[in-house]
Amino acid sequence: MKNKAVLVVSFGTSYPDVLNNSIKVVENKIHEVLPDFELRRAFTSDFIIRKLAKRDGMVVDNPEGALNNLEKEGFTDVVVQPLHII
């Protein structure tokens, strides 16, 4: 069982091309650098999370939910990597 994970946290997007051309690109780069870590995603926008669930049936956790799930799954080392730019 893997015990290390990296949680990539962004505002989120409801546009598939933006998800594929930005967030997934960054996630893939992170996975290249940290191949021994399970990669997970979380969005901070509840609006985007609800919209994706309703429109596409896509489930994306918020950061708190993702961290709770990782803990339940037995992960002991979690890196949280925010993608927010201020």
C-alpha atoms as a PDB file:
ATOM      1  CA  MET A   1       0.000   0.000   0.000  1.00  0.00           C
ATOM      2  CA  LYS A   2       1.243   3.466  -0.835  1.00  0.00           C
ATOM      3  CA  ASN A   3       1.572   5.768   2.128  1.00  0.00           C
ATOM      4  CA  LYS A   4       2.614   8.972   0.325  1.00  0.00           C
ATOM      5  CA  ALA A   5       0.364  11.278  -1.659  1.00  0.00           C
ATOM      6  CA  VAL A   6       0.453  14.693  -3.243  1.00  0.00           C
ATOM      7  CA  LEU A   7      -2.770  16.669  -3.324  1.00  0.00           C
ATOM      8  CA  VAL A   8      -2.859  19.223  -6.124  1.00  0.00           C
ATOM      9  CA  VAL A   9      -5.253  22.015  -5.157  1.00  0.00           C
ATOM     10  CA  SER A  10      -6.583  24.585  -7.604  1.00  0.00           C
ATOM     11  CA  PHE A  11      -9.622  26.823  -7.905  1.00  0.00           C
ATOM     12  CA  GLY A  12     -10.886  24.442 -10.580  1.00  0.00           C
ATOM     13  CA  THR A  13     -12.479  24.810 -13.977  1.00  0.00           C
ATOM     14  CA  SER A  14     -15.599  23.588 -15.700  1.00  0.00           C
ATOM     15  CA  TYR A  15     -13.967  23.785 -19.141  1.00  0.00           C
ATOM     16  CA  PRO A  16     -12.489  20.432 -20.229  1.00  0.00           C
ATOM     17  CA  ASP A  17      -9.876  22.027 -22.496  1.00  0.00           C
ATOM     18  CA  VAL A  18      -8.619  24.225 -19.659  1.00  0.00           C
ATOM     19  CA  LEU A  19      -8.477  21.209 -17.344  1.00  0.00           C
ATOM     20  CA  ASN A  20      -6.500  19.206 -19.910  1.00  0.00           C
ATOM     21  CA  ASN A  21      -4.198  22.033 -21.005  1.00  0.00           C
ATOM     22  CA  SER A  22      -3.369  23.489 -17.612  1.00  0.00           C
ATOM     23  CA  ILE A  23      -4.262  21.578 -14.457  1.00  0.00           C
ATOM     24  CA  LYS A  24      -3.547  18.108 -15.878  1.00  0.00           C
ATOM     25  CA  VAL A  25      -0.277  19.328 -17.399  1.00  0.00           C
ATOM     26  CA  VAL A  26       0.895  20.521 -13.973  1.00  0.00           C
ATOM     27  CA  GLU A  27      -0.323  17.298 -12.325  1.00  0.00           C
ATOM     28  CA  ASN A  28       1.612  15.239 -14.875  1.00  0.00           C
ATOM     29  CA  LYS A  29       4.792  17.249 -14.209  1.00  0.00           C
ATOM     30  CA  ILE A  30       4.372  16.755 -10.465  1.00  0.00           C
ATOM     31  CA  HIS A  31       3.893  13.019 -11.001  1.00  0.00           C
ATOM     32  CA  GLU A  32       7.107  12.904 -13.070  1.00  0.00           C
ATOM     33  CA  VAL A  33       9.032  14.484 -10.190  1.00  0.00           C
ATOM     34  CA  LEU A  34       7.283  12.461  -7.461  1.00  0.00           C
ATOM     35  CA  PRO A  35       6.563   9.075  -9.068  1.00  0.00           C
ATOM     36  CA  ASP A  36       6.328   7.297  -5.695  1.00  0.00           C
ATOM     37  CA  PHE A  37       3.460   9.541  -4.590  1.00  0.00           C
ATOM     38  CA  GLU A  38      -0.219   8.885  -5.254  1.00  0.00           C
ATOM     39  CA  LEU A  39      -1.579  11.939  -7.077  1.00  0.00           C
ATOM     40  CA  ARG A  40      -4.930  13.435  -6.061  1.00  0.00           C
ATOM     41  CA  ARG A  41      -6.847  16.539  -7.105  1.00  0.00           C
ATOM     42  CA  ALA A  42      -8.983  19.009  -5.176  1.00  0.00           C
ATOM     43  CA  PHE A  43     -10.778  22.186  -6.200  1.00  0.00           C
ATOM     44  CA  THR A  44     -11.471  25.077  -3.848  1.00  0.00           C
ATOM     45  CA  SER A  45     -14.514  26.327  -5.779  1.00  0.00           C
ATOM     46  CA  ASP A  46     -17.661  24.673  -4.471  1.00  0.00           C
ATOM     47  CA  PHE A  47     -19.523  26.134  -7.445  1.00  0.00           C
ATOM     48  CA  ILE A  48     -17.208  24.352  -9.912  1.00  0.00           C
ATOM     49  CA  ILE A  49     -17.369  21.111  -7.903  1.00  0.00           C
ATOM     50  CA  ARG A  50     -21.186  21.160  -7.974  1.00  0.00           C
ATOM     51  CA  LYS A  51     -21.324  22.130 -11.652  1.00  0.00           C
ATOM     52  CA  LEU A  52     -19.012  19.265 -12.696  1.00  0.00           C
ATOM     53  CA  ALA A  53     -20.986  16.769 -10.609  1.00  0.00           C
ATOM     54  CA  LYS A  54     -24.333  17.877 -12.037  1.00  0.00           C
ATOM     55  CA  ARG A  55     -23.269  18.362 -15.661  1.00  0.00           C
ATOM     56  CA  ASP A  56     -20.652  15.638 -16.126  1.00  0.00           C
ATOM     57  CA  GLY A  57     -21.032  13.268 -13.184  1.00  0.00           C
ATOM     58  CA  MET A  58     -17.429  14.162 -12.323  1.00  0.00           C
ATOM     59  CA  VAL A  59     -16.523  13.919  -8.651  1.00  0.00           C
ATOM     60  CA  VAL A  60     -13.845  16.290  -7.404  1.00  0.00           C
ATOM     61  CA  ASP A  61     -13.270  16.802  -3.685  1.00  0.00           C
ATOM     62  CA  ASN A  62     -12.627  20.057  -1.933  1.00  0.00           C
ATOM     63  CA  PRO A  63      -9.315  20.120  -0.013  1.00  0.00           C
ATOM     64  CA  GLU A  64     -10.850  19.087   3.312  1.00  0.00           C
ATOM     65  CA  GLY A  65     -12.723  16.168   1.748  1.00  0.00           C
ATOM     66  CA  ALA A  66      -9.655  15.030  -0.164  1.00  0.00           C
ATOM     67  CA  LEU A  67      -7.497  15.098   2.977  1.00  0.00           C
ATOM     68  CA  ASN A  68     -10.153  13.187   4.923  1.00  0.00           C
ATOM     69  CA  ASN A  69     -10.314  10.544   2.183  1.00  0.00           C
ATOM     70  CA  LEU A  70      -6.536  10.199   2.106  1.00  0.00           C
ATOM     71  CA  GLU A  71      -6.496   9.690   5.872  1.00  0.00           C
ATOM     72  CA  LYS A  72      -9.264   7.065   5.655  1.00  0.00           C
ATOM     73  CA  GLU A  73      -7.259   5.268   2.964  1.00  0.00           C
ATOM     74  CA  GLY A  74      -4.244   5.076   5.260  1.00  0.00           C
ATOM     75  CA  PHE A  75      -1.951   7.685   3.737  1.00  0.00           C
ATOM     76  CA  THR A  76       0.501   8.967   6.319  1.00  0.00           C
ATOM     77  CA  ASP A  77       2.562  11.467   4.298  1.00  0.00           C
ATOM     78  CA  VAL A  78       0.669  14.037   2.233  1.00  0.00           C
ATOM     79  CA  VAL A  79       2.074  17.016   0.363  1.00  0.00           C
ATOM     80  CA  VAL A  80      -0.453  19.715  -0.496  1.00  0.00           C
ATOM     81  CA  GLN A  81       0.562  21.628  -3.633  1.00  0.00           C
ATOM     82  CA  PRO A  82      -1.637  24.680  -4.276  1.00  0.00           C
ATOM     83  CA  LEU A  83      -1.822  26.099  -7.792  1.00  0.00           C
ATOM     84  CA  HIS A  84      -3.335  29.395  -6.713  1.00  0.00           C
ATOM     85  CA  ILE A  85      -1.630  32.575  -7.875  1.00  0.00           C
ATOM     86  CA  ILE A  86      -2.301  35.780  -6.005  1.00  0.00           C
END
